[in-house]
Amino acid sequence: MAKTKNKKPADAPGDNFKKRLLIAGGLLFVYGITILGKLFYLQILQHEELWSQSEKQYIRKVKTSRERGKILDRNFVDLAANVEVDSVYVNPRSVANKQKTASALSQILGLSYQNALKKVSSKKKFVWVKRKSSLQESKQLKRLSLPGIGFKTEIQRFYPKRQLAAGTLGFVGMDNQGLSGVEHFHDTLLKGLISLKSEEKDARGRYFRGPKLDKIQPDRSPDLVLTLDEVIQYYVETELEKAVKKYRAKGGVAVVMAPNTGEILALANLPTYNPNNYSVSNPSSWKNIAISSSFEPGSIFKPIIAAAAIETKVASPEKVFFCENGSYRIGKTEIGEAAEHKFGWLSLAKIIQKSSNIGVIKISEELGPSRYYDYIRKFGFGSKSGIDLPGEASGQLRPLDQWSKLSAASISFGHEIGATPIQLISAISAIANGGNLMKPYIAQAVVQDGETVKEFEPQLIRRVISEKTSRQMVEILKTVVKEGTGKKAGLPGYETAGKTGTAQKIDPETQSYSNSAYVASFVGFAPADAPRIAILVMIDEPKRVYWGGEIAAPAFREIARQALRYLNVPSKEERVVYIERA
């Protein structure tokens, strides 16, 4: 029998099915892994980018500026607020009669016809015609119902007191950005943060307000409370204007400071302007002269040399100096007294009382340039005070190694040095308050929804002189008002102290001292022994009369009289009556 070969058995039907199932499962597994990988890539790795693209397509963020914070005086009186006004725009595509519309816009809004026609003929869908128009302009335009002309409500800065404290407050631009003064220095605070509002787009591309996606913020920025007092500011501006007009002066400056703290209670400049319509004023009137301009102070600088001499024990108030009978020569330069006075022997106290130029030169010779320079710097001259207002000048004080043989003499009576009004009143306040140089400041507090969120405290810069020297200087400055050049600063019922000044100005053409241009000034404080206010008055280029004791001292007296009454500071008579009744 023949042998047969063994044949491999054919695959069973079940085996084929398993193979196909494994292959299909493998393919599905690979496909699933691919899908998961893609999802991971899109949902995790590409999430931020895709979400950003989606937002651009369906959601837009609209920036909305919050209402600017108000500026208030120390008693919460509005000095800068906000009002709603209409801004006029045009959709040129909807204008029916371009010539007629342009003519109406030109007449009502004060635009040139060509400018108005250009706006209504634009190919854009939206063109501003006039931002922040007046109420009367808006009413007239609305009555005409011109096709294509629309109105958008905007917020405009409003200064209810008009020019009051304009130089200090400053003003804002068309988009409510601070451009000068407090408005500029504290712009970040007053304008606050910009709010973002979200709008979604539907399938047809129409925007609608979606769910609130943004952080909730207050509708209005915080308010800023100043150290200024509206009433005292009014007194100061009134009296300053009277003096400038009476003597037909070029301008003037007046500052009132609380000497113990450095708070600025009032600050006025002339000429001034109305910040509601600042663009029509001469830009030179926008300048805050009290902090941004320096002057040769003249004789109101003499208390600095006297205080330095007493503090260093170079001289006591009783020490006498020979004043050369009115004429003193340093090298080839002959120096005389003001108004041709001729003084012989005078004590230090009498030198200040009578305002002797030669007397203070003799004191400076005793003190020496190095010590004198140090005390000038200690009193804050030659550097910025740090007041919270923009554009402060540091004044002019040359380094000691650049002084000539005449420098110490000239500076002793307020020449060859430039000082800002804020430096001068800060220095006299240091003499008045016991010897402390305080940093002047204008912002008192930040208020949000009636709650104080931040307070600005007084800051001591440094002690300049001792309390003993301060008391001795106060006594000397009291005699200036009682018996010396400042008699017209005397105030019935109150003891006052201060110093007069009459400084020649440099003629810009000849670069020498003018015989007709002067700055008349008075700086002082009251009540002398417990000062509540320090006041500086400077009148620039008065006509006919130019002595500080004749022009600035009376203005000081009137400001002090009204301010002390307003602050309820009792006079001597009132204090006596109170003691007797008690």
Protein backbone atom coordinates (compact mmCIF):
# COMPACT_ATOMS: atom_id res chain seq x y z
CA MET A 1 0.00 0.00 0.00
CA ALA A 2 1.40 3.30 -0.97
CA LYS A 3 2.06 5.96 1.77
CA THR A 4 0.23 9.29 1.45
CA LYS A 5 1.85 12.72 2.39
CA ASN A 6 0.52 14.62 5.43
CA LYS A 7 -1.32 17.75 4.28
CA LYS A 8 -1.61 20.96 6.48
CA PRO A 9 -5.19 21.28 7.55
CA ALA A 10 -7.10 24.26 6.13
CA ASP A 11 -7.80 27.19 8.49
CA ALA A 12 -10.96 26.85 10.32
CA PRO A 13 -13.60 29.52 9.71
CA GLY A 14 -13.21 30.80 13.30
CA ASP A 15 -9.52 31.56 12.86
CA ASN A 16 -10.10 33.87 9.90
CA PHE A 17 -12.64 35.84 11.85
CA LYS A 18 -10.25 36.34 14.76
CA LYS A 19 -7.55 37.65 12.44
CA ARG A 20 -9.89 40.14 10.86
CA LEU A 21 -11.09 41.21 14.30
CA LEU A 22 -7.53 41.79 15.51
CA ILE A 23 -6.66 43.82 12.44
CA ALA A 24 -9.81 45.93 12.80
CA GLY A 25 -9.18 46.43 16.52
CA GLY A 26 -5.61 47.48 15.85
CA LEU A 27 -6.73 50.00 13.27
CA LEU A 28 -9.38 51.38 15.61
CA PHE A 29 -6.80 51.64 18.40
CA VAL A 30 -4.40 53.57 16.19
CA TYR A 31 -7.25 55.80 15.01
CA GLY A 32 -8.36 56.39 18.60
CA ILE A 33 -4.84 57.28 19.69
CA THR A 34 -4.62 59.67 16.75
CA ILE A 35 -7.91 61.33 17.72
CA LEU A 36 -6.87 61.63 21.35
CA GLY A 37 -3.53 63.08 20.32
CA LYS A 38 -5.23 65.63 18.13
CA LEU A 39 -7.65 66.55 20.90
CA PHE A 40 -4.76 66.92 23.36
CA TYR A 41 -2.92 69.12 20.88
CA LEU A 42 -5.96 71.32 20.22
CA GLN A 43 -7.49 71.44 23.69
CA ILE A 44 -4.33 71.60 25.76
CA LEU A 45 -1.34 72.72 23.75
CA GLN A 46 -3.19 75.08 21.39
CA HIS A 47 -5.93 76.18 23.80
CA GLU A 48 -4.75 79.76 24.41
CA GLU A 49 -4.02 80.50 20.76
CA LEU A 50 -7.32 79.08 19.51
CA TRP A 51 -9.29 80.82 22.24
CA SER A 52 -7.61 84.10 21.31
CA GLN A 53 -8.53 83.62 17.66
CA SER A 54 -12.09 82.79 18.65
CA GLU A 55 -12.34 85.92 20.78
CA LYS A 56 -11.15 88.04 17.88
CA GLN A 57 -13.86 86.57 15.68
CA TYR A 58 -16.79 86.61 18.09
CA ILE A 59 -15.90 88.86 21.06
CA ARG A 60 -14.47 92.36 21.19
CA LYS A 61 -13.19 94.33 24.15
CA VAL A 62 -14.36 97.96 24.28
CA LYS A 63 -12.23 100.37 26.32
CA THR A 64 -14.29 102.72 28.48
CA SER A 65 -12.66 105.53 30.48
CA ARG A 66 -14.17 106.04 33.87
CA GLU A 67 -15.39 109.46 34.94
CA ARG A 68 -12.46 111.54 36.13
CA GLY A 69 -12.20 111.98 39.89
CA LYS A 70 -13.15 115.36 41.33
CA ILE A 71 -10.74 117.81 42.94
CA LEU A 72 -11.98 119.21 46.25
CA ASP A 73 -10.72 121.84 48.66
CA ARG A 74 -9.95 120.91 52.28
CA ASN A 75 -13.63 121.42 53.20
CA PHE A 76 -14.84 119.18 50.31
CA VAL A 77 -15.93 122.08 48.09
CA ASP A 78 -15.78 121.16 44.38
CA LEU A 79 -12.89 122.83 42.57
CA ALA A 80 -12.93 120.51 39.54
CA ALA A 81 -15.95 118.37 38.61
CA ASN A 82 -17.51 116.78 35.49
CA VAL A 83 -20.50 117.52 33.27
CA GLU A 84 -22.10 115.67 30.35
CA VAL A 85 -21.92 117.38 26.97
CA ASP A 86 -22.73 116.48 23.36
CA SER A 87 -20.09 115.77 20.75
CA VAL A 88 -21.25 116.09 17.13
CA TYR A 89 -20.40 113.49 14.47
CA VAL A 90 -21.48 112.78 10.91
CA ASN A 91 -22.07 109.67 8.82
CA PRO A 92 -21.29 111.14 5.38
CA ARG A 93 -23.12 108.31 3.59
CA SER A 94 -26.38 109.40 5.20
CA VAL A 95 -26.06 113.12 4.43
CA ALA A 96 -28.78 114.12 1.98
CA ASN A 97 -27.53 117.57 0.97
CA LYS A 98 -23.83 118.02 1.64
CA GLN A 99 -23.70 121.75 0.81
CA LYS A 100 -26.71 122.60 2.98
CA THR A 101 -25.43 120.44 5.86
CA ALA A 102 -21.93 121.94 5.65
CA SER A 103 -23.39 125.46 5.69
CA ALA A 104 -25.47 124.72 8.82
CA LEU A 105 -22.52 123.12 10.64
CA SER A 106 -20.32 126.06 9.72
CA GLN A 107 -22.75 128.67 11.05
CA ILE A 108 -23.74 126.90 14.26
CA LEU A 109 -20.41 125.31 15.28
CA GLY A 110 -18.11 128.10 14.16
CA LEU A 111 -16.28 125.98 11.58
CA SER A 112 -15.11 127.18 8.20
CA TYR A 113 -17.41 126.12 5.38
CA GLN A 114 -14.59 124.29 3.59
CA ASN A 115 -13.73 122.33 6.74
CA ALA A 116 -17.36 121.38 7.32
CA LEU A 117 -17.80 120.36 3.66
CA LYS A 118 -14.70 118.18 3.84
CA LYS A 119 -16.09 116.35 6.86
CA VAL A 120 -19.53 115.66 5.35
CA SER A 121 -17.91 114.55 2.06
CA SER A 122 -15.60 112.00 3.64
CA LYS A 123 -15.73 108.38 2.48
CA LYS A 124 -15.65 107.16 6.07
CA LYS A 125 -18.73 106.02 7.97
CA PHE A 126 -17.91 108.08 11.07
CA VAL A 127 -16.28 111.54 11.28
CA TRP A 128 -16.11 113.83 14.29
CA VAL A 129 -17.47 117.28 13.50
CA LYS A 130 -16.93 118.95 16.88
CA ARG A 131 -16.03 117.35 20.18
CA LYS A 132 -17.74 118.65 23.30
CA SER A 133 -19.88 121.37 21.79
CA SER A 134 -21.71 123.93 23.89
CA LEU A 135 -25.27 123.39 25.10
CA GLN A 136 -26.55 126.14 22.80
CA GLU A 137 -24.80 124.63 19.77
CA SER A 138 -26.27 121.20 20.47
CA LYS A 139 -29.79 122.60 20.86
CA GLN A 140 -29.64 124.46 17.55
CA LEU A 141 -28.34 121.44 15.65
CA LYS A 142 -30.86 119.05 17.16
CA ARG A 143 -33.72 121.34 16.14
CA LEU A 144 -32.60 121.06 12.49
CA SER A 145 -32.63 117.22 12.53
CA LEU A 146 -30.06 117.06 9.74
CA PRO A 147 -29.75 113.58 8.16
CA GLY A 148 -26.42 111.96 8.93
CA ILE A 149 -25.68 114.22 11.92
CA GLY A 150 -25.53 112.46 15.29
CA PHE A 151 -24.65 113.23 18.89
CA LYS A 152 -22.57 111.29 21.37
CA THR A 153 -22.59 112.11 25.10
CA GLU A 154 -19.14 112.67 26.57
CA ILE A 155 -17.76 113.82 29.92
CA GLN A 156 -16.19 117.27 30.09
CA ARG A 157 -14.10 118.72 32.94
CA PHE A 158 -15.78 121.66 34.63
CA TYR A 159 -14.26 124.20 37.04
CA PRO A 160 -17.18 125.75 38.96
CA LYS A 161 -15.02 128.49 40.53
CA ARG A 162 -13.71 129.59 37.13
CA GLN A 163 -10.25 131.17 37.52
CA LEU A 164 -9.99 130.51 41.27
CA ALA A 165 -6.72 128.63 41.91
CA ALA A 166 -6.39 128.03 38.16
CA GLY A 167 -2.59 128.01 38.23
CA THR A 168 -2.63 125.28 40.87
CA LEU A 169 -5.50 123.15 39.51
CA GLY A 170 -4.36 123.25 35.89
CA PHE A 171 -6.57 121.87 33.11
CA VAL A 172 -7.25 118.77 31.01
CA GLY A 173 -7.22 118.02 27.27
CA MET A 174 -10.01 116.93 24.96
CA ASP A 175 -9.72 113.32 26.12
CA ASN A 176 -9.65 114.35 29.80
CA GLN A 177 -5.91 113.84 30.19
CA GLY A 178 -4.25 116.15 32.74
CA LEU A 179 -2.08 118.74 31.01
CA SER A 180 -0.96 121.04 33.84
CA GLY A 181 -1.15 121.68 37.58
CA VAL A 182 -2.73 119.17 39.95
CA GLU A 183 -4.59 117.67 36.99
CA HIS A 184 -1.27 116.67 35.44
CA PHE A 185 0.74 115.76 38.55
CA HIS A 186 -2.03 113.50 39.91
CA ASP A 187 -3.35 112.42 36.49
CA THR A 188 -2.92 108.68 37.10
CA LEU A 189 -4.96 108.89 40.31
CA LEU A 190 -7.70 111.14 38.91
CA LYS A 191 -8.28 109.25 35.66
CA GLY A 192 -8.07 105.85 37.36
CA LEU A 193 -7.89 102.60 35.39
CA ILE A 194 -9.56 102.10 32.01
CA SER A 195 -12.49 99.68 32.18
CA LEU A 196 -12.91 96.93 29.54
CA LYS A 197 -16.39 95.87 28.50
CA SER A 198 -17.04 92.73 26.40
CA GLU A 199 -19.38 92.54 23.43
CA GLU A 200 -20.23 89.30 21.52
CA LYS A 201 -21.06 88.92 17.82
CA ASP A 202 -23.88 86.74 16.53
CA ALA A 203 -23.84 84.65 13.32
CA ARG A 204 -24.76 87.71 11.25
CA GLY A 205 -21.89 89.75 12.64
CA ARG A 206 -24.07 91.95 14.88
CA TYR A 207 -22.59 92.93 18.24
CA PHE A 208 -24.58 92.65 21.44
CA ARG A 209 -23.65 92.97 25.10
CA GLY A 210 -22.67 89.53 26.32
CA PRO A 211 -22.37 88.19 29.84
CA LYS A 212 -20.20 90.24 32.20
CA LEU A 213 -16.69 88.94 31.55
CA ASP A 214 -14.72 91.73 33.17
CA LYS A 215 -13.73 92.66 36.66
CA ILE A 216 -16.24 95.00 38.24
CA GLN A 217 -14.74 98.45 38.88
CA PRO A 218 -16.18 101.69 40.29
CA ASP A 219 -17.85 103.93 37.71
CA ARG A 220 -15.78 106.93 38.79
CA SER A 221 -12.15 107.42 39.77
CA PRO A 222 -11.28 108.46 43.33
CA ASP A 223 -11.52 112.12 44.34
CA LEU A 224 -8.53 114.18 45.44
CA VAL A 225 -8.85 116.48 48.45
CA LEU A 226 -6.40 119.40 48.48
CA THR A 227 -4.92 121.41 51.34
CA LEU A 228 -6.26 124.55 49.64
CA ASP A 229 -9.04 126.46 51.35
CA GLU A 230 -11.45 127.99 48.86
CA VAL A 231 -12.23 130.96 51.13
CA ILE A 232 -8.61 131.86 51.88
CA GLN A 233 -7.80 131.38 48.19
CA TYR A 234 -10.50 133.95 47.37
CA TYR A 235 -9.10 136.45 49.89
CA VAL A 236 -5.61 136.02 48.45
CA GLU A 237 -6.65 136.43 44.83
CA THR A 238 -8.79 139.48 45.63
CA GLU A 239 -6.05 141.33 47.52
CA LEU A 240 -3.37 140.36 45.02
CA GLU A 241 -5.48 141.68 42.15
CA LYS A 242 -6.11 144.94 44.02
CA ALA A 243 -2.38 145.52 44.51
CA VAL A 244 -1.49 144.64 40.92
CA LYS A 245 -4.17 146.95 39.52
CA LYS A 246 -3.43 149.80 41.93
CA TYR A 247 0.24 149.91 40.99
CA ARG A 248 -0.26 148.85 37.34
CA ALA A 249 2.12 145.96 37.89
CA LYS A 250 3.12 143.30 35.39
CA GLY A 251 1.86 140.55 37.67
CA GLY A 252 2.07 139.09 41.15
CA VAL A 253 2.32 136.00 43.33
CA ALA A 254 0.89 135.23 46.75
CA VAL A 255 1.19 132.06 48.83
CA VAL A 256 -0.32 131.12 52.19
CA MET A 257 1.20 128.20 54.07
CA ALA A 258 0.50 126.54 57.42
CA PRO A 259 4.06 126.93 58.82
CA ASN A 260 3.90 123.98 61.21
CA THR A 261 2.85 121.42 58.59
CA GLY A 262 3.78 122.71 55.14
CA GLU A 263 0.15 122.66 53.91
CA ILE A 264 -0.51 125.16 51.13
CA LEU A 265 -3.74 126.97 52.05
CA ALA A 266 -3.73 129.29 49.04
CA LEU A 267 -1.57 129.91 45.99
CA ALA A 268 -2.29 132.63 43.44
CA ASN A 269 -0.63 133.93 40.28
CA LEU A 270 -1.41 136.95 38.14
CA PRO A 271 -2.05 137.07 35.26
CA THR A 272 -4.38 134.08 35.42
CA TYR A 273 -6.91 132.32 33.16
CA ASN A 274 -10.18 130.40 33.14
CA PRO A 275 -9.41 126.65 32.88
CA ASN A 276 -12.87 126.04 31.41
CA ASN A 277 -11.64 127.83 28.30
CA TYR A 278 -7.87 127.86 28.69
CA SER A 279 -7.13 127.79 24.96
CA VAL A 280 -8.23 131.41 24.49
CA SER A 281 -5.70 132.63 27.09
CA ASN A 282 -2.06 133.47 26.55
CA PRO A 283 -0.05 130.32 27.35
CA SER A 284 2.22 132.41 29.59
CA SER A 285 -0.70 132.76 32.02
CA TRP A 286 -0.83 128.96 32.46
CA LYS A 287 2.53 129.02 34.22
CA ASN A 288 2.51 128.54 38.00
CA ILE A 289 5.03 131.27 38.80
CA ALA A 290 5.06 130.43 42.51
CA ILE A 291 6.93 127.20 41.88
CA SER A 292 8.33 127.38 38.35
CA SER A 293 10.01 130.81 38.31
CA SER A 294 12.85 132.16 40.41
CA PHE A 295 13.57 135.77 41.35
CA GLU A 296 16.36 137.64 43.05
CA PRO A 297 14.53 137.98 46.36
CA GLY A 298 16.15 141.16 47.64
CA SER A 299 15.88 142.03 51.31
CA ILE A 300 13.40 139.30 52.25
CA PHE A 301 16.47 137.06 52.06
CA LYS A 302 18.23 138.91 54.91
CA PRO A 303 16.67 136.80 57.71
CA ILE A 304 18.64 133.81 56.35
CA ILE A 305 22.04 135.40 57.05
CA ALA A 306 20.84 136.61 60.47
CA ALA A 307 19.56 133.15 61.46
CA ALA A 308 22.79 131.51 60.29
CA ALA A 309 24.93 133.97 62.29
CA ILE A 310 22.90 133.48 65.48
CA GLU A 311 22.77 129.68 65.10
CA THR A 312 26.56 129.42 64.64
CA LYS A 313 27.12 131.90 67.50
CA VAL A 314 29.02 134.21 65.20
CA ALA A 315 26.76 137.01 66.39
CA SER A 316 23.99 137.54 68.90
CA PRO A 317 21.01 139.81 68.15
CA GLU A 318 22.71 142.49 70.30
CA LYS A 319 26.11 142.39 68.61
CA VAL A 320 26.85 145.68 66.82
CA PHE A 321 28.38 146.24 63.39
CA PHE A 322 29.61 149.45 61.82
CA CYS A 323 27.52 150.19 58.74
CA GLU A 324 29.96 152.66 57.21
CA ASN A 325 27.53 155.59 57.15
CA GLY A 326 25.91 154.41 53.94
CA SER A 327 28.82 153.53 51.67
CA TYR A 328 31.08 150.47 51.64
CA ARG A 329 33.71 149.45 49.11
CA ILE A 330 34.64 145.86 48.27
CA GLY A 331 37.52 145.91 45.82
CA LYS A 332 36.49 148.30 43.07
CA THR A 333 32.76 147.99 43.81
CA GLU A 334 31.00 150.52 46.00
CA ILE A 335 27.84 149.32 47.76
CA GLY A 336 25.28 151.68 49.25
CA GLU A 337 22.06 151.51 51.23
CA ALA A 338 18.57 151.58 49.78
CA ALA A 339 16.93 155.01 49.61
CA GLU A 340 20.27 156.63 50.47
CA HIS A 341 20.04 155.73 54.16
CA LYS A 342 23.17 156.33 56.23
CA PHE A 343 23.64 154.05 59.22
CA GLY A 344 26.51 154.03 61.70
CA TRP A 345 26.64 151.39 64.41
CA LEU A 346 23.73 148.97 64.37
CA SER A 347 23.03 145.74 66.24
CA LEU A 348 22.23 142.62 64.25
CA ALA A 349 18.58 143.04 65.23
CA LYS A 350 18.56 146.67 64.06
CA ILE A 351 20.27 145.72 60.79
CA ILE A 352 17.32 143.45 59.95
CA GLN A 353 14.78 145.92 61.29
CA LYS A 354 16.12 148.79 59.18
CA SER A 355 17.12 146.49 56.29
CA SER A 356 20.72 147.65 56.05
CA ASN A 357 22.59 146.23 53.05
CA ILE A 358 25.99 147.09 54.48
CA GLY A 359 25.00 145.64 57.83
CA VAL A 360 24.23 142.18 56.38
CA ILE A 361 27.45 142.32 54.37
CA LYS A 362 29.35 142.81 57.63
CA ILE A 363 27.49 139.84 59.13
CA SER A 364 28.37 137.69 56.10
CA GLU A 365 32.05 138.61 56.51
CA GLU A 366 31.91 137.39 60.10
CA LEU A 367 30.11 134.20 59.10
CA GLY A 368 32.35 133.35 56.15
CA PRO A 369 31.30 132.04 52.68
CA SER A 370 31.49 128.32 53.56
CA ARG A 371 29.18 128.44 56.57
CA TYR A 372 26.89 130.90 54.82
CA TYR A 373 26.59 128.60 51.78
CA ASP A 374 25.80 125.64 54.03
CA TYR A 375 22.92 127.47 55.72
CA ILE A 376 21.52 128.72 52.43
CA ARG A 377 21.35 125.08 51.35
CA LYS A 378 19.91 123.96 54.69
CA PHE A 379 17.06 126.45 54.29
CA GLY A 380 16.19 124.76 50.98
CA PHE A 381 17.60 127.16 48.42
CA GLY A 382 19.27 125.76 45.33
CA SER A 383 17.13 122.60 45.33
CA LYS A 384 13.51 121.70 44.70
CA SER A 385 11.17 121.70 47.67
CA GLY A 386 9.44 118.52 46.47
CA ILE A 387 5.96 120.03 46.33
CA ASP A 388 3.48 117.80 44.51
CA LEU A 389 3.02 120.09 41.51
CA PRO A 390 4.66 119.84 38.08
CA GLY A 391 7.35 122.11 36.71
CA GLU A 392 9.08 123.06 39.95
CA ALA A 393 12.33 125.01 39.53
CA SER A 394 15.30 124.57 41.86
CA GLY A 395 16.25 128.25 41.77
CA GLN A 396 19.76 129.49 41.13
CA LEU A 397 22.60 129.05 43.59
CA ARG A 398 26.09 128.72 42.18
CA PRO A 399 28.44 126.22 43.84
CA LEU A 400 30.75 127.72 46.44
CA ASP A 401 33.84 127.27 44.27
CA GLN A 402 32.22 129.53 41.68
CA TRP A 403 31.63 132.42 44.07
CA SER A 404 33.50 135.65 43.40
CA LYS A 405 34.82 138.01 46.06
CA LEU A 406 31.51 139.86 45.83
CA SER A 407 29.19 136.83 45.94
CA ALA A 408 28.77 136.52 49.71
CA ALA A 409 28.09 140.25 49.97
CA SER A 410 25.58 140.28 47.10
CA ILE A 411 23.73 137.18 48.29
CA SER A 412 23.47 138.56 51.83
CA PHE A 413 20.96 141.17 50.62
CA GLY A 414 19.24 138.89 48.12
CA HIS A 415 21.09 139.45 44.86
CA GLU A 416 23.16 137.00 42.82
CA ILE A 417 20.78 134.22 43.88
CA GLY A 418 17.50 133.00 42.40
CA ALA A 419 14.75 131.78 44.72
CA THR A 420 11.25 130.54 43.98
CA PRO A 421 8.32 131.87 46.02
CA ILE A 422 7.69 128.38 47.43
CA GLN A 423 11.31 128.21 48.67
CA LEU A 424 10.99 131.62 50.31
CA ILE A 425 7.79 130.87 52.20
CA SER A 426 9.14 127.47 53.27
CA ALA A 427 12.27 129.16 54.67
CA ILE A 428 10.34 131.83 56.62
CA SER A 429 8.04 129.07 57.93
CA ALA A 430 11.11 127.25 59.30
CA ILE A 431 12.07 130.40 61.19
CA ALA A 432 8.48 130.79 62.45
CA ASN A 433 7.78 127.20 63.57
CA GLY A 434 10.78 126.57 65.80
CA GLY A 435 13.41 125.73 63.20
CA ASN A 436 11.94 122.89 61.09
CA LEU A 437 11.98 122.97 57.30
CA MET A 438 8.74 121.29 56.25
CA LYS A 439 8.01 119.87 52.82
CA PRO A 440 5.26 121.97 51.19
CA TYR A 441 2.37 119.91 49.85
CA ILE A 442 -0.96 120.43 48.11
CA ALA A 443 -2.70 117.00 48.21
CA GLN A 444 -4.33 116.16 51.54
CA ALA A 445 -6.28 112.94 50.96
CA VAL A 446 -7.73 110.49 48.44
CA VAL A 447 -11.44 109.72 48.83
CA GLN A 448 -13.44 106.93 47.16
CA ASP A 449 -17.24 106.82 47.58
CA GLY A 450 -17.04 109.06 50.62
CA GLU A 451 -14.38 106.97 52.37
CA THR A 452 -10.81 108.20 52.88
CA VAL A 453 -8.49 105.63 51.34
CA LYS A 454 -5.22 107.56 51.68
CA GLU A 455 -3.96 110.55 53.65
CA PHE A 456 -0.88 112.66 52.95
CA GLU A 457 0.93 113.52 56.17
CA PRO A 458 3.27 116.46 56.90
CA GLN A 459 6.91 115.65 56.21
CA LEU A 460 9.89 117.10 58.03
CA ILE A 461 12.81 117.68 55.66
CA ARG A 462 15.31 118.63 58.37
CA ARG A 463 15.90 120.86 61.35
CA VAL A 464 17.61 124.03 60.18
CA ILE A 465 18.01 126.08 63.35
CA SER A 466 17.39 125.50 67.04
CA GLU A 467 14.23 126.58 68.84
CA LYS A 468 16.26 129.22 70.67
CA THR A 469 17.50 130.74 67.42
CA SER A 470 13.96 130.58 66.06
CA ARG A 471 12.59 132.53 69.04
CA GLN A 472 15.32 135.14 68.70
CA MET A 473 14.61 135.56 65.00
CA VAL A 474 10.87 135.89 65.65
CA GLU A 475 11.56 138.74 68.07
CA ILE A 476 13.75 140.46 65.48
CA LEU A 477 11.12 140.10 62.74
CA LYS A 478 8.44 141.46 65.07
CA THR A 479 10.41 144.70 65.33
CA VAL A 480 10.45 144.98 61.52
CA VAL A 481 6.66 145.37 61.66
CA LYS A 482 6.51 147.43 64.86
CA GLU A 483 9.33 149.91 64.18
CA GLY A 484 11.02 149.08 60.89
CA THR A 485 10.31 148.91 57.17
CA GLY A 486 7.23 146.69 57.54
CA LYS A 487 4.96 148.96 59.58
CA LYS A 488 2.17 148.73 56.99
CA ALA A 489 2.00 144.98 57.59
CA GLY A 490 0.89 145.61 61.17
CA LEU A 491 -2.41 144.04 62.08
CA PRO A 492 -4.59 145.44 64.89
CA GLY A 493 -5.20 142.80 67.54
CA TYR A 494 -2.48 140.45 66.29
CA GLU A 495 1.29 140.53 66.62
CA THR A 496 2.87 139.92 63.22
CA ALA A 497 6.43 139.34 62.09
CA GLY A 498 8.07 139.54 58.71
CA LYS A 499 10.46 141.19 56.32
CA THR A 500 10.13 143.61 53.40
CA GLY A 501 11.99 143.29 50.11
CA THR A 502 12.64 145.51 47.11
CA ALA A 503 14.76 143.79 44.47
CA GLN A 504 16.03 145.35 41.25
CA LYS A 505 15.48 143.16 38.20
CA ILE A 506 18.06 142.44 35.54
CA ASP A 507 17.43 144.31 32.29
CA PRO A 508 17.52 141.57 29.59
CA GLU A 509 18.97 144.00 27.03
CA THR A 510 21.79 145.53 29.07
CA GLN A 511 22.31 142.52 31.41
CA SER A 512 22.66 144.99 34.28
CA TYR A 513 20.32 146.03 37.08
CA SER A 514 17.36 148.08 35.89
CA ASN A 515 16.57 151.48 37.39
CA SER A 516 12.83 151.05 36.78
CA ALA A 517 11.94 147.35 37.08
CA TYR A 518 11.59 146.00 40.64
CA VAL A 519 9.96 143.16 42.55
CA ALA A 520 8.28 144.44 45.71
CA SER A 521 7.68 141.81 48.38
CA PHE A 522 6.76 141.01 51.94
CA VAL A 523 7.01 137.67 53.72
CA GLY A 524 5.79 137.09 57.24
CA PHE A 525 3.60 135.16 59.65
CA ALA A 526 0.88 135.65 62.25
CA PRO A 527 0.23 135.47 65.13
CA ALA A 528 3.96 135.91 65.62
CA ASP A 529 4.40 133.76 68.74
CA ALA A 530 2.02 130.97 67.70
CA PRO A 531 1.86 131.20 63.91
CA ARG A 532 -1.15 129.80 62.10
CA ILE A 533 -0.32 131.22 58.68
CA ALA A 534 2.77 132.33 56.78
CA ILE A 535 2.17 134.63 53.82
CA LEU A 536 4.33 135.74 50.91
CA VAL A 537 3.28 138.56 48.58
CA MET A 538 5.37 139.53 45.54
CA ILE A 539 4.38 142.29 43.09
CA ASP A 540 6.27 142.24 39.79
CA GLU A 541 7.29 145.55 38.23
CA PRO A 542 4.92 148.00 39.95
CA LYS A 543 4.73 151.54 38.56
CA ARG A 544 5.38 154.82 40.41
CA VAL A 545 6.11 153.20 43.81
CA TYR A 546 8.22 150.08 44.15
CA TRP A 547 9.05 149.61 47.86
CA GLY A 548 7.95 146.31 49.36
CA GLY A 549 6.87 148.03 52.56
CA GLU A 550 4.54 150.31 50.60
CA ILE A 551 3.05 147.82 48.14
CA ALA A 552 3.31 144.23 49.36
CA ALA A 553 3.04 144.82 53.13
CA PRO A 554 -0.54 146.24 52.97
CA ALA A 555 -1.64 143.27 50.84
CA PHE A 556 -0.10 140.93 53.43
CA ARG A 557 -2.02 142.75 56.18
CA GLU A 558 -5.38 142.40 54.46
CA ILE A 559 -4.87 138.74 53.61
CA ALA A 560 -3.77 137.99 57.19
CA ARG A 561 -6.67 139.95 58.71
CA GLN A 562 -9.33 138.11 56.72
CA ALA A 563 -7.69 134.69 56.99
CA LEU A 564 -7.21 134.85 60.77
CA ARG A 565 -10.82 135.91 61.26
CA TYR A 566 -11.98 133.08 59.01
CA LEU A 567 -9.82 130.57 60.93
CA ASN A 568 -11.32 131.83 64.22
CA VAL A 569 -7.96 132.86 65.61
CA PRO A 570 -8.85 135.27 68.45
CA SER A 571 -7.26 138.71 68.53
CA LYS A 572 -5.57 140.08 71.66
CA GLU A 573 -8.73 141.95 72.65
CA GLU A 574 -10.84 138.82 72.26
CA ARG A 575 -8.39 136.78 74.35
CA VAL A 576 -8.48 139.41 77.13
CA VAL A 577 -12.30 139.41 77.16
CA TYR A 578 -12.31 135.61 77.28
CA ILE A 579 -9.89 135.52 80.26
CA GLU A 580 -11.90 138.17 82.15
CA ARG A 581 -15.16 136.27 81.63
CA ALA A 582 -13.56 133.02 82.69
